[in-house]
PDB file of N, CA and C in Angstrom:
ATOM      1  N   MET A   1       6.802 -11.814  -6.430  1.00  0.00           N
ATOM      2  CA  MET A   1       8.013 -11.167  -5.943  1.00  0.00           C
ATOM      3  C   MET A   1       7.641  -9.917  -5.136  1.00  0.00           C
ATOM      4  N   PRO A   2       8.135  -9.829  -3.913  1.00  0.00           N
ATOM      5  CA  PRO A   2       7.790  -8.675  -3.075  1.00  0.00           C
ATOM      6  C   PRO A   2       8.430  -7.389  -3.586  1.00  0.00           C
ATOM      7  N   GLU A   3       7.726  -6.271  -3.370  1.00  0.00           N
ATOM      8  CA  GLU A   3       8.250  -4.962  -3.762  1.00  0.00           C
ATOM      9  C   GLU A   3       9.348  -4.501  -2.809  1.00  0.00           C
ATOM     10  N   PHE A   4       9.206  -4.832  -1.541  1.00  0.00           N
ATOM     11  CA  PHE A   4      10.198  -4.419  -0.552  1.00  0.00           C
ATOM     12  C   PHE A   4      11.238  -5.520  -0.393  1.00  0.00           C
ATOM     13  N   PRO A   5      12.518  -5.170  -0.428  1.00  0.00           N
ATOM     14  CA  PRO A   5      13.572  -6.187  -0.310  1.00  0.00           C
ATOM     15  C   PRO A   5      13.500  -6.921   1.036  1.00  0.00           C
ATOM     16  N   LEU A   6      13.735  -8.211   0.994  1.00  0.00           N
ATOM     17  CA  LEU A   6      13.660  -9.011   2.214  1.00  0.00           C
ATOM     18  C   LEU A   6      14.737  -8.598   3.214  1.00  0.00           C
ATOM     19  N   ALA A   7      15.883  -8.175   2.732  1.00  0.00           N
ATOM     20  CA  ALA A   7      16.946  -7.728   3.643  1.00  0.00           C
ATOM     21  C   ALA A   7      16.478  -6.506   4.445  1.00  0.00           C
ATOM     22  N   ALA A   8      15.738  -5.626   3.799  1.00  0.00           N
ATOM     23  CA  ALA A   8      15.214  -4.458   4.506  1.00  0.00           C
ATOM     24  C   ALA A   8      14.202  -4.878   5.563  1.00  0.00           C
ATOM     25  N   MET A   9      13.366  -5.862   5.243  1.00  0.00           N
ATOM     26  CA  MET A   9      12.384  -6.355   6.209  1.00  0.00           C
ATOM     27  C   MET A   9      13.107  -6.969   7.405  1.00  0.00           C
ATOM     28  N   ASP A  10      14.157  -7.709   7.132  1.00  0.00           N
ATOM     29  CA  ASP A  10      14.966  -8.324   8.177  1.00  0.00           C
ATOM     30  C   ASP A  10      15.546  -7.248   9.091  1.00  0.00           C
ATOM     31  N   ARG A  11      16.105  -6.187   8.511  1.00  0.00           N
ATOM     32  CA  ARG A  11      16.687  -5.097   9.306  1.00  0.00           C
ATOM     33  C   ARG A  11      15.636  -4.405  10.169  1.00  0.00           C
ATOM     34  N   ILE A  12      14.447  -4.200   9.616  1.00  0.00           N
ATOM     35  CA  ILE A  12      13.383  -3.543  10.377  1.00  0.00           C
ATOM     36  C   ILE A  12      13.037  -4.357  11.619  1.00  0.00           C
ATOM     37  N   VAL A  13      12.882  -5.653  11.467  1.00  0.00           N
ATOM     38  CA  VAL A  13      12.540  -6.506  12.615  1.00  0.00           C
ATOM     39  C   VAL A  13      13.698  -6.526  13.607  1.00  0.00           C
ATOM     40  N   ARG A  14      14.937  -6.650  13.112  1.00  0.00           N
ATOM     41  CA  ARG A  14      16.087  -6.722  14.018  1.00  0.00           C
ATOM     42  C   ARG A  14      16.350  -5.415  14.751  1.00  0.00           C
ATOM     43  N   LYS A  15      15.870  -4.282  14.222  1.00  0.00           N
ATOM     44  CA  LYS A  15      16.037  -3.006  14.926  1.00  0.00           C
ATOM     45  C   LYS A  15      15.261  -2.981  16.239  1.00  0.00           C
ATOM     46  N   THR A  16      14.198  -3.760  16.323  1.00  0.00           N
ATOM     47  CA  THR A  16      13.370  -3.758  17.526  1.00  0.00           C
ATOM     48  C   THR A  16      13.861  -4.741  18.581  1.00  0.00           C
ATOM     49  N   GLY A  17      14.748  -5.628  18.220  1.00  0.00           N
ATOM     50  CA  GLY A  17      15.286  -6.585  19.170  1.00  0.00           C
ATOM     51  C   GLY A  17      16.291  -7.486  18.503  1.00  0.00           C
ATOM     52  N   LYS A  18      17.162  -8.055  19.291  1.00  0.00           N
ATOM     53  CA  LYS A  18      18.193  -8.930  18.750  1.00  0.00           C
ATOM     54  C   LYS A  18      17.607 -10.322  18.540  1.00  0.00           C
ATOM     55  N   VAL A  19      16.979 -10.483  17.384  1.00  0.00           N
ATOM     56  CA  VAL A  19      16.361 -11.766  17.047  1.00  0.00           C
ATOM     57  C   VAL A  19      16.749 -12.158  15.630  1.00  0.00           C
ATOM     58  N   ARG A  20      16.580 -13.406  15.346  1.00  0.00           N
ATOM     59  CA  ARG A  20      16.744 -13.864  13.968  1.00  0.00           C
ATOM     60  C   ARG A  20      15.390 -13.778  13.298  1.00  0.00           C
ATOM     61  N   VAL A  21      15.414 -13.547  11.984  1.00  0.00           N
ATOM     62  CA  VAL A  21      14.171 -13.373  11.238  1.00  0.00           C
ATOM     63  C   VAL A  21      14.118 -14.413  10.133  1.00  0.00           C
ATOM     64  N   SER A  22      13.042 -15.204  10.127  1.00  0.00           N
ATOM     65  CA  SER A  22      12.906 -16.219   9.090  1.00  0.00           C
ATOM     66  C   SER A  22      12.554 -15.571   7.759  1.00  0.00           C
ATOM     67  N   ARG A  23      12.853 -16.261   6.685  1.00  0.00           N
ATOM     68  CA  ARG A  23      12.526 -15.767   5.345  1.00  0.00           C
ATOM     69  C   ARG A  23      11.020 -15.579   5.212  1.00  0.00           C
ATOM     70  N   SER A  24      10.248 -16.513   5.761  1.00  0.00           N
ATOM     71  CA  SER A  24       8.792 -16.406   5.656  1.00  0.00           C
ATOM     72  C   SER A  24       8.266 -15.196   6.430  1.00  0.00           C
ATOM     73  N   ALA A  25       8.892 -14.861   7.560  1.00  0.00           N
ATOM     74  CA  ALA A  25       8.482 -13.676   8.317  1.00  0.00           C
ATOM     75  C   ALA A  25       8.788 -12.408   7.527  1.00  0.00           C
ATOM     76  N   ALA A  26       9.960 -12.362   6.907  1.00  0.00           N
ATOM     77  CA  ALA A  26      10.332 -11.203   6.094  1.00  0.00           C
ATOM     78  C   ALA A  26       9.390 -11.067   4.898  1.00  0.00           C
ATOM     79  N   LEU A  27       9.020 -12.185   4.278  1.00  0.00           N
ATOM     80  CA  LEU A  27       8.074 -12.155   3.155  1.00  0.00           C
ATOM     81  C   LEU A  27       6.705 -11.653   3.596  1.00  0.00           C
ATOM     82  N   GLU A  28       6.240 -12.124   4.745  1.00  0.00           N
ATOM     83  CA  GLU A  28       4.930 -11.706   5.252  1.00  0.00           C
ATOM     84  C   GLU A  28       4.917 -10.223   5.588  1.00  0.00           C
ATOM     85  N   LEU A  29       5.969  -9.738   6.236  1.00  0.00           N
ATOM     86  CA  LEU A  29       6.056  -8.314   6.552  1.00  0.00           C
ATOM     87  C   LEU A  29       6.062  -7.489   5.268  1.00  0.00           C
ATOM     88  N   SER A  30       6.804  -7.942   4.279  1.00  0.00           N
ATOM     89  CA  SER A  30       6.849  -7.256   2.990  1.00  0.00           C
ATOM     90  C   SER A  30       5.472  -7.200   2.353  1.00  0.00           C
ATOM     91  N   SER A  31       4.746  -8.287   2.402  1.00  0.00           N
ATOM     92  CA  SER A  31       3.407  -8.358   1.819  1.00  0.00           C
ATOM     93  C   SER A  31       2.441  -7.413   2.529  1.00  0.00           C
ATOM     94  N   ILE A  32       2.491  -7.402   3.853  1.00  0.00           N
ATOM     95  CA  ILE A  32       1.610  -6.536   4.640  1.00  0.00           C
ATOM     96  C   ILE A  32       1.926  -5.071   4.371  1.00  0.00           C
ATOM     97  N   LEU A  33       3.200  -4.722   4.358  1.00  0.00           N
ATOM     98  CA  LEU A  33       3.589  -3.335   4.101  1.00  0.00           C
ATOM     99  C   LEU A  33       3.236  -2.902   2.686  1.00  0.00           C
ATOM    100  N   GLU A  34       3.351  -3.819   1.735  1.00  0.00           N
ATOM    101  CA  GLU A  34       2.970  -3.491   0.361  1.00  0.00           C
ATOM    102  C   GLU A  34       1.474  -3.195   0.272  1.00  0.00           C
ATOM    103  N   GLY A  35       0.661  -3.976   0.953  1.00  0.00           N
ATOM    104  CA  GLY A  35      -0.778  -3.734   0.971  1.00  0.00           C
ATOM    105  C   GLY A  35      -1.104  -2.382   1.582  1.00  0.00           C
ATOM    106  N   TYR A  36      -0.426  -2.057   2.695  1.00  0.00           N
ATOM    107  CA  TYR A  36      -0.620  -0.762   3.342  1.00  0.00           C
ATOM    108  C   TYR A  36      -0.192   0.363   2.404  1.00  0.00           C
ATOM    109  N   ALA A  37       0.964   0.206   1.749  1.00  0.00           N
ATOM    110  CA  ALA A  37       1.476   1.234   0.839  1.00  0.00           C
ATOM    111  C   ALA A  37       0.539   1.460  -0.343  1.00  0.00           C
ATOM    112  N   LEU A  38      -0.057   0.404  -0.854  1.00  0.00           N
ATOM    113  CA  LEU A  38      -0.998   0.553  -1.972  1.00  0.00           C
ATOM    114  C   LEU A  38      -2.241   1.330  -1.553  1.00  0.00           C
ATOM    115  N   GLU A  39      -2.774   1.014  -0.376  1.00  0.00           N
ATOM    116  CA  GLU A  39      -3.938   1.741   0.129  1.00  0.00           C
ATOM    117  C   GLU A  39      -3.592   3.206   0.375  1.00  0.00           C
ATOM    118  N   LEU A  40      -2.425   3.435   0.919  1.00  0.00           N
ATOM    119  CA  LEU A  40      -1.963   4.796   1.174  1.00  0.00           C
ATOM    120  C   LEU A  40      -1.824   5.573  -0.133  1.00  0.00           C
ATOM    121  N   ALA A  41      -1.235   4.949  -1.141  1.00  0.00           N
ATOM    122  CA  ALA A  41      -1.056   5.602  -2.436  1.00  0.00           C
ATOM    123  C   ALA A  41      -2.401   5.925  -3.083  1.00  0.00           C
ATOM    124  N   LYS A  42      -3.345   4.987  -3.020  1.00  0.00           N
ATOM    125  CA  LYS A  42      -4.679   5.226  -3.593  1.00  0.00           C
ATOM    126  C   LYS A  42      -5.340   6.437  -2.938  1.00  0.00           C
ATOM    127  N   GLU A  43      -5.247   6.504  -1.614  1.00  0.00           N
ATOM    128  CA  GLU A  43      -5.867   7.605  -0.888  1.00  0.00           C
ATOM    129  C   GLU A  43      -5.155   8.921  -1.202  1.00  0.00           C
ATOM    130  N   ALA A  44      -3.842   8.904  -1.299  1.00  0.00           N
ATOM    131  CA  ALA A  44      -3.085  10.119  -1.616  1.00  0.00           C
ATOM    132  C   ALA A  44      -3.437  10.622  -3.017  1.00  0.00           C
ATOM    133  N   ILE A  45      -3.629   9.713  -3.953  1.00  0.00           N
ATOM    134  CA  ILE A  45      -4.013  10.098  -5.311  1.00  0.00           C
ATOM    135  C   ILE A  45      -5.397  10.747  -5.298  1.00  0.00           C
ATOM    136  N   LYS A  46      -6.332  10.164  -4.549  1.00  0.00           N
ATOM    137  CA  LYS A  46      -7.676  10.748  -4.440  1.00  0.00           C
ATOM    138  C   LYS A  46      -7.605  12.177  -3.900  1.00  0.00           C
ATOM    139  N   LEU A  47      -6.793  12.377  -2.877  1.00  0.00           N
ATOM    140  CA  LEU A  47      -6.666  13.699  -2.271  1.00  0.00           C
ATOM    141  C   LEU A  47      -6.050  14.701  -3.247  1.00  0.00           C
ATOM    142  N   ALA A  48      -5.034  14.283  -3.973  1.00  0.00           N
ATOM    143  CA  ALA A  48      -4.403  15.168  -4.958  1.00  0.00           C
ATOM    144  C   ALA A  48      -5.393  15.530  -6.059  1.00  0.00           C
ATOM    145  N   GLU A  49      -6.152  14.549  -6.541  1.00  0.00           N
ATOM    146  CA  GLU A  49      -7.136  14.798  -7.584  1.00  0.00           C
ATOM    147  C   GLU A  49      -8.238  15.728  -7.079  1.00  0.00           C
ATOM    148  N   HIS A  50      -8.608  15.563  -5.817  1.00  0.00           N
ATOM    149  CA  HIS A  50      -9.662  16.396  -5.237  1.00  0.00           C
ATOM    150  C   HIS A  50      -9.262  17.876  -5.229  1.00  0.00           C
ATOM    151  N   ARG A  51      -7.971  18.138  -5.000  1.00  0.00           N
ATOM    152  CA  ARG A  51      -7.533  19.532  -4.994  1.00  0.00           C
ATOM    153  C   ARG A  51      -7.090  19.985  -6.381  1.00  0.00           C
ATOM    154  N   GLY A  52      -7.311  19.152  -7.398  1.00  0.00           N
ATOM    155  CA  GLY A  52      -7.032  19.536  -8.777  1.00  0.00           C
ATOM    156  C   GLY A  52      -5.579  19.431  -9.178  1.00  0.00           C
ATOM    157  N   ALA A  53      -4.792  18.711  -8.406  1.00  0.00           N
ATOM    158  CA  ALA A  53      -3.368  18.574  -8.698  1.00  0.00           C
ATOM    159  C   ALA A  53      -3.091  17.320  -9.522  1.00  0.00           C
ATOM    160  N   LYS A  54      -2.050  17.375 -10.310  1.00  0.00           N
ATOM    161  CA  LYS A  54      -1.609  16.206 -11.069  1.00  0.00           C
ATOM    162  C   LYS A  54      -0.460  15.486 -10.360  1.00  0.00           C
ATOM    163  N   THR A  55       0.081  16.149  -9.348  1.00  0.00           N
ATOM    164  CA  THR A  55       1.213  15.603  -8.605  1.00  0.00           C
ATOM    165  C   THR A  55       0.803  15.341  -7.163  1.00  0.00           C
ATOM    166  N   VAL A  56       1.103  14.164  -6.673  1.00  0.00           N
ATOM    167  CA  VAL A  56       0.852  13.827  -5.275  1.00  0.00           C
ATOM    168  C   VAL A  56       1.936  14.505  -4.437  1.00  0.00           C
ATOM    169  N   SER A  57       1.510  15.244  -3.428  1.00  0.00           N
ATOM    170  CA  SER A  57       2.462  15.979  -2.587  1.00  0.00           C
ATOM    171  C   SER A  57       2.667  15.275  -1.251  1.00  0.00           C
ATOM    172  N   GLU A  58       3.641  15.773  -0.510  1.00  0.00           N
ATOM    173  CA  GLU A  58       3.900  15.261   0.839  1.00  0.00           C
ATOM    174  C   GLU A  58       2.663  15.437   1.717  1.00  0.00           C
ATOM    175  N   VAL A  59       1.975  16.551   1.546  1.00  0.00           N
ATOM    176  CA  VAL A  59       0.761  16.827   2.319  1.00  0.00           C
ATOM    177  C   VAL A  59      -0.304  15.776   2.018  1.00  0.00           C
ATOM    178  N   ASP A  60      -0.431  15.392   0.750  1.00  0.00           N
ATOM    179  CA  ASP A  60      -1.397  14.355   0.365  1.00  0.00           C
ATOM    180  C   ASP A  60      -1.060  13.033   1.045  1.00  0.00           C
ATOM    181  N   VAL A  61       0.218  12.694   1.052  1.00  0.00           N
ATOM    182  CA  VAL A  61       0.652  11.426   1.655  1.00  0.00           C
ATOM    183  C   VAL A  61       0.401  11.440   3.158  1.00  0.00           C
ATOM    184  N   ARG A  62       0.716  12.558   3.816  1.00  0.00           N
ATOM    185  CA  ARG A  62       0.489  12.642   5.266  1.00  0.00           C
ATOM    186  C   ARG A  62      -0.998  12.550   5.599  1.00  0.00           C
ATOM    187  N   ALA A  63      -1.826  13.248   4.833  1.00  0.00           N
ATOM    188  CA  ALA A  63      -3.276  13.193   5.069  1.00  0.00           C
ATOM    189  C   ALA A  63      -3.811  11.794   4.799  1.00  0.00           C
ATOM    190  N   ALA A  64      -3.316  11.165   3.744  1.00  0.00           N
ATOM    191  CA  ALA A  64      -3.742   9.803   3.416  1.00  0.00           C
ATOM    192  C   ALA A  64      -3.330   8.835   4.520  1.00  0.00           C
ATOM    193  N   ALA A  65      -2.146   9.032   5.080  1.00  0.00           N
ATOM    194  CA  ALA A  65      -1.674   8.155   6.162  1.00  0.00           C
ATOM    195  C   ALA A  65      -2.599   8.248   7.360  1.00  0.00           C
ATOM    196  N   SER A  66      -3.053   9.459   7.672  1.00  0.00           N
ATOM    197  CA  SER A  66      -3.991   9.624   8.790  1.00  0.00           C
ATOM    198  C   SER A  66      -5.296   8.895   8.530  1.00  0.00           C
ATOM    199  N   ARG A  67      -5.797   9.015   7.317  1.00  0.00           N
ATOM    200  CA  ARG A  67      -7.053   8.351   6.966  1.00  0.00           C
ATOM    201  C   ARG A  67      -6.922   6.834   6.958  1.00  0.00           C
ATOM    202  N   VAL A  68      -5.844   6.333   6.371  1.00  0.00           N
ATOM    203  CA  VAL A  68      -5.654   4.887   6.275  1.00  0.00           C
ATOM    204  C   VAL A  68      -5.407   4.308   7.665  1.00  0.00           C
ATOM    205  N   ARG A  69      -4.604   4.991   8.472  1.00  0.00           N
ATOM    206  CA  ARG A  69      -4.319   4.524   9.823  1.00  0.00           C
ATOM    207  C   ARG A  69      -5.580   4.408  10.664  1.00  0.00           C
ATOM    208  N   SER A  70      -6.469   5.386  10.508  1.00  0.00           N
ATOM    209  CA  SER A  70      -7.697   5.352  11.310  1.00  0.00           C
ATOM    210  C   SER A  70      -8.650   4.243  10.876  1.00  0.00           C
ATOM    211  N   SER A  71      -8.464   3.706   9.681  1.00  0.00           N
ATOM    212  CA  SER A  71      -9.339   2.639   9.204  1.00  0.00           C
ATOM    213  C   SER A  71      -8.762   1.238   9.463  1.00  0.00           C
ATOM    214  N   LEU A  72      -7.529   1.171  10.011  1.00  0.00           N
ATOM    215  CA  LEU A  72      -6.918  -0.132  10.290  1.00  0.00           C
ATOM    216  C   LEU A  72      -7.575  -0.765  11.509  1.00  0.00           C
ATOM    217  N   PRO A  73      -7.705  -2.090  11.489  1.00  0.00           N
ATOM    218  CA  PRO A  73      -8.257  -2.772  12.676  1.00  0.00           C
ATOM    219  C   PRO A  73      -7.246  -2.684  13.829  1.00  0.00           C
ATOM    220  N   ARG A  74      -7.746  -2.618  15.025  1.00  0.00           N
ATOM    221  CA  ARG A  74      -6.856  -2.520  16.201  1.00  0.00           C
ATOM    222  C   ARG A  74      -6.836  -3.792  16.972  1.00  0.00           C
TER     223      ARG A  74
END
């Protein structure tokens, strides 16, 4: 079961153009985004722990996003 609702995935795709979105496309987008979110969360936790914090902050998430984004294939 995907973490992100399929209706939300459908809306995200439709925001970029007036197209219909198949259930399998919405499931795949959900799966890909979940994988990205997990990597982002892992990196944000590492950053928070490195600075001795028990709480992940917005700054940790932003820094983690930069690191994860730079490691994505282009």
